[in-house]
Amino acid sequence: MYRYDEFDASFVNQRTEQFKDQVRRRLAGELSEDEFKPLRLMNGLYLQLHAYMLRVAIPYGTLNGRQMRKLAHIARTYDKGYGHFTTRQNIQFNWPKLEDTPKILEELAEVEMHAIQTSGNCIRNVTADHFAGAAADEIADPRPYAEILRQWSSLHPEFSFLPRKFKIAITGAPNDRAAVQVHDIGLQLTRNDEGEIGFVVYVGGGLGRTPMIGRKVRDYLPEEDLLAYSEAILRVYNRYGRRDNKYKARIKILVHETGLEELKADIEEEFEKIRFGVLRLPDEEVRRIEAYFAPPPLEVGPSASEAVESRRNADAAFAQFLAHNLNPHRVPGYTSVTLSMKPIGGIPGDASDAQMEVIADLAEQYGHDEIRISHEQNVILPHVKLDDVPAIYDRLSAAEIAEGNAGLITDIIACPGMDYCALATARSIPVAQRISERFGTAERQAEIGELKIKISGCINACGHHHVGHIGILGLEKKGEEFYQVTLGGSANENASIGEIVGRGFSSEEVIDAIEKLVDTYLGLRSGKEETFLDAYRRVGEAPFKEALYGAA
């Protein structure tokens, strides 16, 4: 993984010192909250319903055991003993005291971490496939390019005050696990006919108030043009993006109002002006960054030992874990293990300080000291010997994070909702917990199969509800919480925005409504291999709508 050089360390330390003085001035009354707000947002500090919230960057979701231990220490020392992993591969601390935040940033800097550009109208934390560098289907590791984009975008003078926030995601595999088509810029690694690395480029994706799937603007962008083309897109957006209405200030609206072909022409024109300048990526620089992400030395091993197979046959919970929480690795004898942060009845994405310590231990002992955070709010050990999975599973069981539910109905994405967020109009967490409890038995989950439920507590869609196979949006109606249901969304390579099926449901009704949808699917699927999403795309909304609301 990337290591700070002298410039990185100096840059982060200078920012920490600046923020220490800003906090001092705020506490002394020399800055009003309105004056302090843009300064704290530049350092990932929000003011939420009950307290400040600090969002810490985990670039492209990659960290090591030492960094995870520091996060555990911060949770234990400055918060209430836990952190919350987000859909941007970051971690949030929900209860820090304002006077402690400079010290937190100082401690983060000790392990090459920070909170810069995790908020505000800037280029946010660049995200990537959580199986990057390990997945069997990968064309190339996307993290070197994510790191190059991070360095280019950090405090970029032209893009520090954009019309709105701007998000970039990159995947290195044809199977999109980074949701690139619902980002302002989405990049998918590819190879041309000569075998040279390049990128498929999507622009104008996004969720929130106006959800849109990104539009393809390049089938092949050469590797060396990554920064120049990205800068051309940002320049066009910065020049023409609306600033009169924050709800229409995203690049997706610019794509919609300008038209794809005209916008592509503007981007290409800007690109031609700058492509041969300092932004052209030299091959030696790409290779230098790649060296930081060299895979660990892994020896080809057996698919699984007799001990693993014996345990699988004797232990149903372990068998379920093997079936759902392992991802194929590029090296035979290895796997990538998903650690579910979704225990039955738990809060999606939360991890206690003790659990973080266990994760750090496992990474160092069994995982070549590599950890990944997924945009689905789970944790991954990317390089694990198959024969080590039983020992890992036992440690996870003791820490209550061994649920074998990755990709299943209880592997729910949920934002913090009205329990924490000042923008939320309804609660997300209790709905996620109740759904998890309703469908939590191993038998029920196995019967249903792959089904992604995503829940947001407001229209900003931090829970990605628009791209859930079943999406749930919490809204306020006459002082009460109501939940709108969408069906047919997806964030993978066949991305789609879910369709609203009808009126919303009260908090008391919504869990029963989800069960009706699931039972309808089970009754109409063409076979056990047909997933909920496939069945919905085959038959349409009519039978599901009838199950919820009766015949028209």
Protein backbone atom coordinates (compact mmCIF):
# COMPACT_ATOMS: atom_id res chain seq x y z
CA MET A 1 0.00 0.00 0.00
CA TYR A 2 1.06 3.61 -0.50
CA ARG A 3 3.48 5.11 2.01
CA TYR A 4 3.71 8.84 2.72
CA ASP A 5 6.76 10.59 1.35
CA GLU A 6 8.27 13.72 2.91
CA PHE A 7 5.81 15.99 1.08
CA ASP A 8 2.78 13.96 2.19
CA ALA A 9 3.83 14.05 5.84
CA SER A 10 4.56 17.78 5.75
CA PHE A 11 1.28 18.50 3.97
CA VAL A 12 -0.84 16.61 6.52
CA ASN A 13 1.04 18.01 9.52
CA GLN A 14 0.63 21.58 8.26
CA ARG A 15 -3.10 21.06 7.83
CA THR A 16 -3.35 19.59 11.35
CA GLU A 17 -1.60 22.64 12.83
CA GLN A 18 -3.89 24.99 10.91
CA PHE A 19 -6.98 23.22 12.18
CA LYS A 20 -5.69 23.22 15.76
CA ASP A 21 -5.56 27.02 15.63
CA GLN A 22 -9.00 27.22 14.00
CA VAL A 23 -10.51 25.10 16.78
CA ARG A 24 -8.79 27.21 19.41
CA ARG A 25 -10.28 30.35 17.90
CA ARG A 26 -13.75 28.77 17.74
CA LEU A 27 -13.62 27.66 21.38
CA ALA A 28 -12.42 31.12 22.40
CA GLY A 29 -15.33 32.75 20.58
CA GLU A 30 -13.09 34.43 18.02
CA LEU A 31 -14.89 32.54 15.23
CA SER A 32 -18.65 32.19 14.96
CA GLU A 33 -20.13 28.83 13.93
CA ASP A 34 -20.87 30.29 10.48
CA GLU A 35 -17.23 31.35 10.13
CA PHE A 36 -15.97 28.03 11.48
CA LYS A 37 -18.21 25.84 9.30
CA PRO A 38 -16.24 25.99 6.01
CA LEU A 39 -12.99 25.45 7.94
CA ARG A 40 -14.22 22.36 9.79
CA LEU A 41 -15.79 20.89 6.66
CA MET A 42 -12.43 21.09 4.92
CA ASN A 43 -11.19 18.78 7.68
CA GLY A 44 -14.06 16.28 7.66
CA LEU A 45 -15.86 17.66 10.73
CA TYR A 46 -19.66 17.88 10.62
CA LEU A 47 -22.13 19.17 13.19
CA GLN A 48 -24.89 16.57 13.42
CA LEU A 49 -27.99 16.16 15.55
CA HIS A 50 -26.35 15.48 18.88
CA ALA A 51 -22.64 16.13 18.46
CA TYR A 52 -19.84 16.71 16.00
CA MET A 53 -19.03 13.87 13.60
CA LEU A 54 -15.53 13.33 12.20
CA ARG A 55 -15.20 11.52 8.87
CA VAL A 56 -11.77 9.97 8.33
CA ALA A 57 -10.49 9.18 4.84
CA ILE A 58 -9.54 5.63 3.90
CA PRO A 59 -8.29 6.21 0.34
CA TYR A 60 -9.62 3.54 -2.03
CA GLY A 61 -10.61 1.55 1.06
CA THR A 62 -7.09 0.29 1.83
CA LEU A 63 -5.43 0.26 5.25
CA ASN A 64 -3.20 -1.93 7.42
CA GLY A 65 -3.29 -3.34 10.92
CA ARG A 66 -1.47 -0.40 12.49
CA GLN A 67 -3.98 2.02 11.03
CA MET A 68 -6.94 -0.11 12.12
CA ARG A 69 -5.51 -0.18 15.65
CA LYS A 70 -5.31 3.60 15.62
CA LEU A 71 -8.97 3.78 14.60
CA ALA A 72 -9.80 1.45 17.49
CA HIS A 73 -7.81 3.67 19.85
CA ILE A 74 -9.66 6.79 18.65
CA ALA A 75 -13.02 5.06 19.10
CA ARG A 76 -12.07 4.01 22.62
CA THR A 77 -10.40 7.26 23.70
CA TYR A 78 -12.33 10.03 22.00
CA ASP A 79 -15.68 8.48 21.08
CA LYS A 80 -18.12 5.97 22.58
CA GLY A 81 -16.18 2.87 21.64
CA TYR A 82 -17.16 2.36 18.01
CA GLY A 83 -16.88 3.73 14.50
CA HIS A 84 -19.14 3.55 11.45
CA PHE A 85 -17.87 2.41 8.02
CA THR A 86 -19.54 4.34 5.21
CA THR A 87 -20.52 3.82 1.59
CA ARG A 88 -17.52 5.99 0.61
CA GLN A 89 -15.08 3.49 2.19
CA ASN A 90 -14.45 5.96 5.03
CA ILE A 91 -15.03 5.70 8.77
CA GLN A 92 -17.08 8.13 10.85
CA PHE A 93 -16.81 8.86 14.55
CA ASN A 94 -20.12 10.18 15.81
CA TRP A 95 -19.29 11.60 19.25
CA PRO A 96 -15.93 13.43 19.32
CA LYS A 97 -15.65 16.61 21.39
CA LEU A 98 -14.63 19.66 19.41
CA GLU A 99 -11.64 20.30 21.67
CA ASP A 100 -10.38 16.75 20.99
CA THR A 101 -10.51 16.88 17.19
CA PRO A 102 -7.04 18.44 16.68
CA LYS A 103 -5.53 15.69 18.83
CA ILE A 104 -7.42 13.06 16.82
CA LEU A 105 -6.01 14.48 13.58
CA GLU A 106 -2.52 14.49 15.09
CA GLU A 107 -2.86 10.83 16.03
CA LEU A 108 -4.19 9.96 12.58
CA ALA A 109 -1.19 11.68 10.99
CA GLU A 110 1.11 9.39 13.03
CA VAL A 111 -0.20 6.44 10.96
CA GLU A 112 -0.48 8.27 7.61
CA MET A 113 -4.20 9.03 7.83
CA HIS A 114 -6.22 12.24 7.69
CA ALA A 115 -9.71 13.67 7.17
CA ILE A 116 -8.96 16.02 4.27
CA GLN A 117 -11.57 16.23 1.47
CA THR A 118 -14.04 13.92 3.16
CA SER A 119 -16.57 16.76 3.02
CA GLY A 120 -17.18 20.06 1.24
CA ASN A 121 -17.56 20.98 -2.43
CA CYS A 122 -14.38 19.30 -3.57
CA ILE A 123 -13.21 16.02 -5.07
CA ARG A 124 -14.01 13.50 -2.36
CA ASN A 125 -12.21 10.31 -1.34
CA VAL A 126 -11.59 8.23 -4.48
CA THR A 127 -13.11 4.77 -4.07
CA ALA A 128 -12.22 1.42 -5.66
CA ASP A 129 -13.09 -2.25 -5.81
CA HIS A 130 -12.59 -3.72 -2.34
CA PHE A 131 -11.06 -6.87 -3.85
CA ALA A 132 -8.49 -4.82 -5.80
CA GLY A 133 -5.15 -6.56 -6.29
CA ALA A 134 -6.61 -9.93 -5.33
CA ALA A 135 -9.68 -10.74 -7.42
CA ALA A 136 -9.46 -13.56 -9.95
CA ASP A 137 -11.41 -11.57 -12.54
CA GLU A 138 -9.25 -8.45 -12.33
CA ILE A 139 -7.69 -6.92 -15.46
CA ALA A 140 -5.34 -4.76 -13.37
CA ASP A 141 -5.17 -3.36 -9.85
CA PRO A 142 -7.07 -0.03 -9.87
CA ARG A 143 -5.47 1.31 -6.67
CA PRO A 144 -2.33 2.83 -8.27
CA TYR A 145 -4.60 4.93 -10.46
CA ALA A 146 -6.79 5.82 -7.49
CA GLU A 147 -3.66 6.98 -5.66
CA ILE A 148 -2.58 9.06 -8.66
CA LEU A 149 -6.04 10.65 -8.71
CA ARG A 150 -5.80 11.27 -4.95
CA GLN A 151 -2.50 13.08 -5.31
CA TRP A 152 -3.75 15.11 -8.26
CA SER A 153 -7.01 16.12 -6.60
CA SER A 154 -5.79 16.93 -3.08
CA LEU A 155 -6.19 20.69 -2.65
CA HIS A 156 -6.23 21.19 -6.41
CA PRO A 157 -6.44 24.99 -6.67
CA GLU A 158 -9.11 24.99 -9.38
CA PHE A 159 -11.28 22.31 -7.81
CA SER A 160 -11.31 23.15 -4.09
CA PHE A 161 -14.56 25.11 -4.39
CA LEU A 162 -16.66 23.31 -6.98
CA PRO A 163 -20.39 23.90 -7.55
CA ARG A 164 -20.97 20.78 -5.41
CA LYS A 165 -19.12 17.74 -4.13
CA PHE A 166 -17.55 15.50 -6.78
CA LYS A 167 -17.05 11.74 -6.54
CA ILE A 168 -14.80 9.38 -8.51
CA ALA A 169 -14.78 5.57 -8.43
CA ILE A 170 -12.58 3.07 -10.26
CA THR A 171 -12.75 -0.67 -10.83
CA GLY A 172 -10.19 -3.02 -12.30
CA ALA A 173 -12.56 -5.84 -13.24
CA PRO A 174 -15.41 -6.30 -15.73
CA ASN A 175 -17.61 -7.24 -12.76
CA ASP A 176 -18.16 -3.82 -11.24
CA ARG A 177 -17.90 -3.91 -7.45
CA ALA A 178 -17.18 -0.17 -7.12
CA ALA A 179 -20.51 1.19 -8.46
CA VAL A 180 -18.67 3.29 -11.05
CA GLN A 181 -21.79 4.13 -13.04
CA VAL A 182 -23.36 6.06 -10.17
CA HIS A 183 -20.41 8.43 -9.73
CA ASP A 184 -19.61 11.83 -11.20
CA ILE A 185 -16.68 10.12 -12.94
CA GLY A 186 -16.60 6.34 -13.18
CA LEU A 187 -13.52 4.54 -14.51
CA GLN A 188 -13.33 0.91 -15.57
CA LEU A 189 -9.94 -0.54 -16.47
CA THR A 190 -9.77 -2.24 -19.85
CA ARG A 191 -7.26 -3.30 -22.50
CA ASN A 192 -7.25 -2.38 -26.17
CA ASP A 193 -6.54 -4.78 -29.02
CA GLU A 194 -2.79 -4.35 -28.45
CA GLY A 195 -3.17 -5.32 -24.78
CA GLU A 196 -2.46 -1.80 -23.50
CA ILE A 197 -4.13 -0.60 -20.30
CA GLY A 198 -6.75 2.12 -20.55
CA PHE A 199 -10.10 3.18 -19.16
CA VAL A 200 -13.75 3.13 -20.07
CA VAL A 201 -15.00 6.52 -18.81
CA TYR A 202 -18.48 7.31 -17.49
CA VAL A 203 -19.64 10.80 -16.55
CA GLY A 204 -22.72 12.13 -14.80
CA GLY A 205 -23.81 9.29 -12.57
CA GLY A 206 -25.14 9.96 -9.12
CA LEU A 207 -27.94 9.30 -6.66
CA GLY A 208 -29.59 11.79 -4.30
CA ARG A 209 -32.53 13.95 -5.29
CA THR A 210 -32.15 13.22 -9.02
CA PRO A 211 -30.69 9.72 -9.51
CA MET A 212 -28.97 9.05 -12.83
CA ILE A 213 -26.80 6.36 -14.38
CA GLY A 214 -23.53 7.67 -15.78
CA ARG A 215 -23.14 8.10 -19.52
CA LYS A 216 -20.20 6.60 -21.36
CA VAL A 217 -17.96 9.29 -22.87
CA ARG A 218 -14.94 7.15 -23.80
CA ASP A 219 -14.69 3.48 -24.75
CA TYR A 220 -10.93 3.65 -24.36
CA LEU A 221 -8.81 6.33 -22.71
CA PRO A 222 -5.06 5.63 -22.79
CA GLU A 223 -3.41 5.22 -19.40
CA GLU A 224 -1.15 8.24 -19.84
CA ASP A 225 -4.16 10.52 -20.41
CA LEU A 226 -5.94 9.73 -17.14
CA LEU A 227 -5.20 13.02 -15.39
CA ALA A 228 -5.57 15.23 -18.45
CA TYR A 229 -8.97 13.77 -19.31
CA SER A 230 -10.15 13.90 -15.70
CA GLU A 231 -9.06 17.52 -15.48
CA ALA A 232 -10.86 18.32 -18.73
CA ILE A 233 -14.09 16.91 -17.27
CA LEU A 234 -13.65 18.91 -14.05
CA ARG A 235 -12.85 22.11 -15.96
CA VAL A 236 -16.00 21.80 -18.04
CA TYR A 237 -18.06 21.10 -14.94
CA ASN A 238 -16.48 23.96 -12.98
CA ARG A 239 -17.12 26.35 -15.86
CA TYR A 240 -20.70 25.40 -16.73
CA GLY A 241 -22.06 23.67 -13.62
CA ARG A 242 -24.95 25.53 -12.04
CA ARG A 243 -24.26 27.56 -8.91
CA ASP A 244 -27.70 29.16 -8.58
CA ASN A 245 -29.34 26.02 -7.16
CA LYS A 246 -27.41 23.50 -5.08
CA TYR A 247 -29.90 20.76 -5.99
CA LYS A 248 -29.02 21.23 -9.67
CA ALA A 249 -25.31 21.80 -9.22
CA ARG A 250 -24.08 18.25 -9.88
CA ILE A 251 -22.46 17.23 -13.15
CA LYS A 252 -25.31 14.78 -13.81
CA ILE A 253 -27.63 17.79 -14.22
CA LEU A 254 -25.13 19.41 -16.58
CA VAL A 255 -25.09 16.24 -18.68
CA HIS A 256 -28.89 16.18 -18.70
CA GLU A 257 -29.38 19.88 -19.53
CA THR A 258 -26.52 20.21 -22.03
CA GLY A 259 -26.90 16.87 -23.76
CA LEU A 260 -24.33 14.11 -23.90
CA GLU A 261 -22.91 14.86 -27.34
CA GLU A 262 -22.41 18.58 -26.71
CA LEU A 263 -20.83 17.89 -23.34
CA LYS A 264 -18.53 15.25 -24.86
CA ALA A 265 -17.43 17.81 -27.46
CA ASP A 266 -16.68 20.34 -24.70
CA ILE A 267 -14.64 17.77 -22.78
CA GLU A 268 -12.70 16.67 -25.85
CA GLU A 269 -11.96 20.28 -26.79
CA GLU A 270 -10.60 20.98 -23.31
CA PHE A 271 -8.71 17.70 -23.34
CA GLU A 272 -6.91 18.58 -26.58
CA LYS A 273 -5.69 21.82 -25.00
CA ILE A 274 -4.00 20.12 -22.05
CA ARG A 275 -3.25 16.50 -22.98
CA PHE A 276 0.40 17.01 -23.92
CA GLY A 277 1.31 19.20 -20.96
CA VAL A 278 2.39 18.39 -17.43
CA LEU A 279 -0.71 16.27 -16.87
CA ARG A 280 0.44 13.54 -19.25
CA LEU A 281 1.33 10.56 -17.08
CA PRO A 282 4.87 9.30 -17.69
CA ASP A 283 5.13 5.53 -17.72
CA GLU A 284 7.89 5.54 -15.10
CA GLU A 285 5.69 7.45 -12.65
CA VAL A 286 2.82 4.99 -13.07
CA ARG A 287 5.22 2.10 -12.52
CA ARG A 288 6.67 3.84 -9.44
CA ILE A 289 3.23 4.15 -7.86
CA GLU A 290 2.39 0.58 -8.90
CA ALA A 291 5.39 -0.66 -6.92
CA TYR A 292 3.71 0.48 -3.70
CA PHE A 293 0.85 -1.91 -4.48
CA ALA A 294 2.93 -4.93 -5.40
CA PRO A 295 1.06 -8.04 -4.24
CA PRO A 296 2.50 -9.99 -1.31
CA PRO A 297 4.51 -13.13 -2.12
CA LEU A 298 1.90 -15.87 -2.37
CA GLU A 299 2.71 -19.49 -3.14
CA VAL A 300 0.16 -21.54 -5.06
CA GLY A 301 -1.54 -23.90 -2.66
CA PRO A 302 -4.34 -26.47 -2.51
CA SER A 303 -7.96 -25.43 -2.96
CA ALA A 304 -8.80 -26.50 0.60
CA SER A 305 -7.54 -29.08 3.05
CA GLU A 306 -9.42 -32.07 4.36
CA ALA A 307 -9.78 -30.23 7.67
CA VAL A 308 -11.63 -27.37 5.99
CA GLU A 309 -13.91 -29.76 4.13
CA SER A 310 -14.56 -31.77 7.28
CA ARG A 311 -15.47 -28.58 9.17
CA ARG A 312 -17.74 -27.53 6.30
CA ASN A 313 -19.65 -30.80 6.50
CA ALA A 314 -19.98 -30.72 10.29
CA ASP A 315 -20.69 -27.02 10.93
CA ALA A 316 -23.64 -25.41 9.13
CA ALA A 317 -22.76 -21.85 10.16
CA PHE A 318 -19.17 -22.32 8.93
CA ALA A 319 -20.49 -23.78 5.68
CA GLN A 320 -22.69 -20.72 5.19
CA PHE A 321 -19.69 -18.47 5.81
CA LEU A 322 -17.66 -20.36 3.19
CA ALA A 323 -20.52 -20.17 0.71
CA HIS A 324 -21.09 -16.42 0.95
CA ASN A 325 -18.10 -14.61 2.45
CA LEU A 326 -15.24 -15.86 0.27
CA ASN A 327 -14.31 -14.33 -3.07
CA PRO A 328 -12.17 -16.08 -5.72
CA HIS A 329 -8.50 -15.07 -5.54
CA ARG A 330 -6.10 -14.76 -8.46
CA VAL A 331 -3.70 -17.20 -6.72
CA PRO A 332 -4.93 -20.78 -6.24
CA GLY A 333 -5.08 -21.75 -2.60
CA TYR A 334 -5.99 -18.23 -1.50
CA THR A 335 -9.24 -16.32 -1.04
CA SER A 336 -10.51 -12.87 -0.06
CA VAL A 337 -12.60 -13.02 3.11
CA THR A 338 -15.48 -10.63 3.76
CA LEU A 339 -15.99 -9.78 7.41
CA SER A 340 -19.66 -8.88 7.70
CA MET A 341 -20.34 -5.73 9.70
CA LYS A 342 -24.01 -6.77 9.60
CA PRO A 343 -24.70 -9.11 12.53
CA ILE A 344 -28.34 -10.13 12.75
CA GLY A 345 -30.17 -7.29 14.46
CA GLY A 346 -27.04 -5.11 14.50
CA ILE A 347 -26.35 -1.66 13.09
CA PRO A 348 -24.99 -1.94 9.52
CA GLY A 349 -21.42 -0.69 9.22
CA ASP A 350 -20.69 -0.26 12.93
CA ALA A 351 -17.55 -1.77 14.46
CA SER A 352 -16.51 -1.62 18.10
CA ASP A 353 -12.99 -0.80 19.19
CA ALA A 354 -12.56 -4.44 20.29
CA GLN A 355 -13.71 -5.70 16.88
CA MET A 356 -11.27 -3.36 15.14
CA GLU A 357 -8.46 -4.77 17.27
CA VAL A 358 -9.45 -8.31 16.26
CA ILE A 359 -9.48 -7.29 12.59
CA ALA A 360 -6.00 -5.80 12.95
CA ASP A 361 -4.77 -9.00 14.61
CA LEU A 362 -6.19 -11.18 11.84
CA ALA A 363 -4.73 -8.98 9.10
CA GLU A 364 -1.28 -9.14 10.63
CA GLN A 365 -1.40 -12.85 11.42
CA TYR A 366 -3.19 -14.25 8.38
CA GLY A 367 -3.68 -11.50 5.79
CA HIS A 368 -0.24 -10.02 4.93
CA ASP A 369 -1.24 -6.91 6.91
CA GLU A 370 -3.81 -5.76 4.36
CA ILE A 371 -7.38 -4.67 5.10
CA ARG A 372 -10.02 -3.24 2.80
CA ILE A 373 -13.27 -1.39 3.49
CA SER A 374 -16.07 -1.95 0.97
CA HIS A 375 -18.64 0.60 -0.15
CA GLU A 376 -21.13 -1.97 1.15
CA GLN A 377 -19.90 -1.20 4.70
CA ASN A 378 -18.03 -4.46 5.25
CA VAL A 379 -14.36 -5.25 5.93
CA ILE A 380 -12.21 -7.52 3.74
CA LEU A 381 -9.02 -9.49 4.31
CA PRO A 382 -7.90 -9.70 0.66
CA HIS A 383 -5.09 -12.29 0.83
CA VAL A 384 -5.90 -15.30 3.02
CA LYS A 385 -4.85 -18.95 2.70
CA LEU A 386 -7.89 -21.17 2.38
CA ASP A 387 -6.48 -23.40 5.11
CA ASP A 388 -6.46 -20.42 7.50
CA VAL A 389 -10.17 -19.68 7.08
CA PRO A 390 -11.32 -21.92 10.00
CA ALA A 391 -9.00 -20.17 12.46
CA ILE A 392 -10.11 -16.76 11.17
CA TYR A 393 -13.75 -17.78 11.41
CA ASP A 394 -13.35 -18.84 15.04
CA ARG A 395 -11.80 -15.49 15.96
CA LEU A 396 -14.58 -13.67 14.12
CA SER A 397 -17.21 -15.74 15.91
CA ALA A 398 -15.79 -14.75 19.27
CA ALA A 399 -15.91 -11.10 18.16
CA GLU A 400 -19.49 -11.47 16.83
CA ILE A 401 -18.58 -10.57 13.24
CA ALA A 402 -18.73 -14.01 11.62
CA GLU A 403 -22.15 -13.73 9.98
CA GLY A 404 -22.13 -15.65 6.70
CA ASN A 405 -24.44 -13.24 4.94
CA ALA A 406 -22.40 -11.30 2.37
CA GLY A 407 -24.72 -10.46 -0.52
CA LEU A 408 -27.79 -11.86 1.23
CA ILE A 409 -30.92 -10.10 2.44
CA THR A 410 -29.44 -9.21 5.86
CA ASP A 411 -26.29 -7.66 4.32
CA ILE A 412 -28.09 -4.32 4.32
CA ILE A 413 -26.57 -0.95 3.43
CA ALA A 414 -27.99 1.78 5.65
CA CYS A 415 -27.08 5.38 6.40
CA PRO A 416 -27.11 6.60 10.04
CA GLY A 417 -30.47 8.27 9.39
CA MET A 418 -32.29 10.41 11.93
CA ASP A 419 -30.56 8.73 14.86
CA TYR A 420 -27.54 10.91 14.03
CA CYS A 421 -27.84 12.98 10.85
CA ALA A 422 -29.22 16.53 10.91
CA LEU A 423 -30.37 16.17 7.29
CA ALA A 424 -32.34 12.95 7.76
CA THR A 425 -36.14 12.89 7.66
CA ALA A 426 -36.57 9.35 9.01
CA ARG A 427 -34.65 6.62 10.79
CA SER A 428 -32.75 3.99 8.82
CA ILE A 429 -31.07 1.93 11.53
CA PRO A 430 -34.20 0.51 13.24
CA VAL A 431 -35.67 -0.49 9.87
CA ALA A 432 -32.45 -2.30 8.93
CA GLN A 433 -32.38 -4.06 12.29
CA ARG A 434 -35.98 -5.23 12.04
CA ILE A 435 -35.54 -6.53 8.49
CA SER A 436 -32.39 -8.36 9.59
CA GLU A 437 -34.25 -9.96 12.48
CA ARG A 438 -37.26 -10.90 10.33
CA PHE A 439 -35.13 -12.71 7.73
CA GLY A 440 -32.16 -13.63 9.92
CA THR A 441 -32.33 -17.42 10.06
CA ALA A 442 -29.81 -19.25 7.92
CA GLU A 443 -32.58 -21.28 6.29
CA ARG A 444 -34.59 -18.19 5.33
CA GLN A 445 -31.56 -16.40 3.90
CA ALA A 446 -30.48 -19.46 1.93
CA GLU A 447 -33.98 -19.83 0.49
CA ILE A 448 -34.01 -16.20 -0.70
CA GLY A 449 -30.47 -16.07 -2.07
CA GLU A 450 -28.82 -12.89 -3.36
CA LEU A 451 -30.89 -9.82 -2.53
CA LYS A 452 -29.47 -6.37 -1.84
CA ILE A 453 -31.56 -4.08 0.38
CA LYS A 454 -30.38 -0.48 0.74
CA ILE A 455 -31.91 2.11 3.06
CA SER A 456 -31.59 5.91 3.16
CA GLY A 457 -33.01 8.23 5.79
CA CYS A 458 -33.45 11.14 3.39
CA ILE A 459 -33.42 12.09 -0.28
CA ASN A 460 -29.63 12.58 -0.25
CA ALA A 461 -29.38 8.78 -0.63
CA CYS A 462 -26.28 8.09 1.47
CA GLY A 463 -27.67 4.54 1.82
CA HIS A 464 -27.73 4.12 -1.99
CA HIS A 465 -31.42 3.11 -1.93
CA HIS A 466 -31.88 3.99 -5.61
CA VAL A 467 -29.62 1.07 -6.61
CA GLY A 468 -30.92 -1.51 -4.17
CA HIS A 469 -32.70 -4.54 -5.56
CA ILE A 470 -35.14 -3.34 -2.93
CA GLY A 471 -34.59 0.28 -1.96
CA ILE A 472 -36.15 1.99 1.03
CA LEU A 473 -36.29 5.78 1.41
CA GLY A 474 -37.38 7.27 4.71
CA LEU A 475 -39.50 10.42 4.48
CA GLU A 476 -41.42 12.65 6.88
CA LYS A 477 -45.15 13.03 6.28
CA LYS A 478 -47.25 15.12 8.64
CA GLY A 479 -44.83 14.54 11.46
CA GLU A 480 -44.58 10.78 10.95
CA GLU A 481 -41.98 8.57 9.29
CA PHE A 482 -43.00 6.93 6.02
CA TYR A 483 -40.96 4.67 3.79
CA GLN A 484 -41.05 4.67 0.01
CA VAL A 485 -40.08 1.41 -1.71
CA THR A 486 -38.22 1.10 -5.02
CA LEU A 487 -37.55 -2.11 -6.94
CA GLY A 488 -35.06 -3.20 -9.59
CA GLY A 489 -32.06 -1.03 -8.78
CA SER A 490 -28.49 -2.23 -9.26
CA ALA A 491 -25.00 -0.72 -8.87
CA ASN A 492 -23.03 -3.33 -10.84
CA GLU A 493 -21.97 -3.34 -14.50
CA ASN A 494 -25.66 -3.55 -15.47
CA ALA A 495 -26.56 -0.55 -13.33
CA SER A 496 -30.14 0.64 -13.02
CA ILE A 497 -32.20 3.01 -10.93
CA GLY A 498 -35.00 1.39 -8.96
CA GLU A 499 -38.61 2.20 -9.75
CA ILE A 500 -41.06 3.57 -7.15
CA VAL A 501 -43.89 1.04 -6.86
CA GLY A 502 -46.53 3.13 -5.08
CA ARG A 503 -47.43 4.92 -1.87
CA GLY A 504 -45.14 4.75 1.12
CA PHE A 505 -45.52 2.64 4.23
CA SER A 506 -45.51 3.60 7.87
CA SER A 507 -42.77 2.38 10.18
CA GLU A 508 -45.14 -0.31 11.43
CA GLU A 509 -46.04 -1.47 7.90
CA VAL A 510 -42.73 -1.42 6.06
CA ILE A 511 -41.26 -4.71 7.34
CA ASP A 512 -44.41 -6.62 6.39
CA ALA A 513 -44.28 -4.92 2.98
CA ILE A 514 -40.73 -6.20 2.42
CA GLU A 515 -41.83 -9.70 3.38
CA LYS A 516 -44.66 -9.55 0.83
CA LEU A 517 -42.15 -8.60 -1.86
CA VAL A 518 -39.86 -11.46 -0.90
CA ASP A 519 -42.70 -13.99 -0.80
CA THR A 520 -43.90 -12.79 -4.21
CA TYR A 521 -40.44 -13.32 -5.63
CA LEU A 522 -40.19 -16.81 -4.16
CA GLY A 523 -43.54 -17.67 -5.69
CA LEU A 524 -42.72 -16.53 -9.22
CA ARG A 525 -39.03 -17.20 -9.74
CA SER A 526 -38.28 -19.65 -12.52
CA GLY A 527 -35.86 -21.65 -10.39
CA LYS A 528 -33.72 -21.33 -7.29
CA GLU A 529 -30.86 -19.90 -9.36
CA GLU A 530 -32.95 -16.92 -10.51
CA THR A 531 -32.16 -13.97 -8.24
CA PHE A 532 -34.65 -11.36 -7.08
CA LEU A 533 -33.24 -8.81 -9.51
CA ASP A 534 -33.35 -11.21 -12.45
CA ALA A 535 -36.93 -12.17 -11.62
CA TYR A 536 -37.97 -8.53 -11.32
CA ARG A 537 -36.40 -7.67 -14.66
CA ARG A 538 -38.13 -10.65 -16.25
CA VAL A 539 -41.69 -10.07 -14.97
CA GLY A 540 -41.76 -6.34 -14.21
CA GLU A 541 -43.37 -4.57 -11.29
CA ALA A 542 -47.00 -5.72 -11.73
CA PRO A 543 -47.00 -8.83 -9.46
CA PHE A 544 -45.00 -7.04 -6.79
CA LYS A 545 -47.28 -4.01 -6.90
CA GLU A 546 -50.33 -6.22 -6.63
CA ALA A 547 -48.85 -8.00 -3.62
CA LEU A 548 -48.35 -4.66 -1.88
CA TYR A 549 -51.50 -2.81 -2.85
CA GLY A 550 -53.95 -5.34 -4.28
CA ALA A 551 -55.31 -5.67 -7.81
CA ALA A 552 -55.78 -2.42 -9.73
